[in-house]
């Protein structure tokens, strides 16, 4: 009887430890957002949240920009797409997700015009390999 109880307990522990990469990603995004967001990443840039779009396997980073850079034209003229692509390409903390073919999206919103999207860039596997 004791052996079967121990076996069942071990089986439950083992089963509980089996988390898919998608589930892990979802959990990590939610946990990071709850613990750290909003997070000031630069003088006028705040990371508001991270979330996983499960159907497309895209990790989304949502930012709000303020001050002088809260200007769609200014952002477009500076075209941050290449620097963001290089950030994804060189990121070691995204390695597991890159190996699995996940995409990464960076979305920037205006602080002065709430809900106005200023810039969005999405990088697929072909963009960072």
Foldseek 3Di string as FASTA:
>chain_A
DVVVVVVVVVVVVVVVPDDDPLRVVQVVQVVCQVPAPQHDPDPFKTFHGWHAPVVQLEIETEIEGEDPPLDLVVCVVVPCQVVVLVCVLPDPVCVVSLVVFGKYKYWYHYPVDPPHTSDMDMGTSVSRD
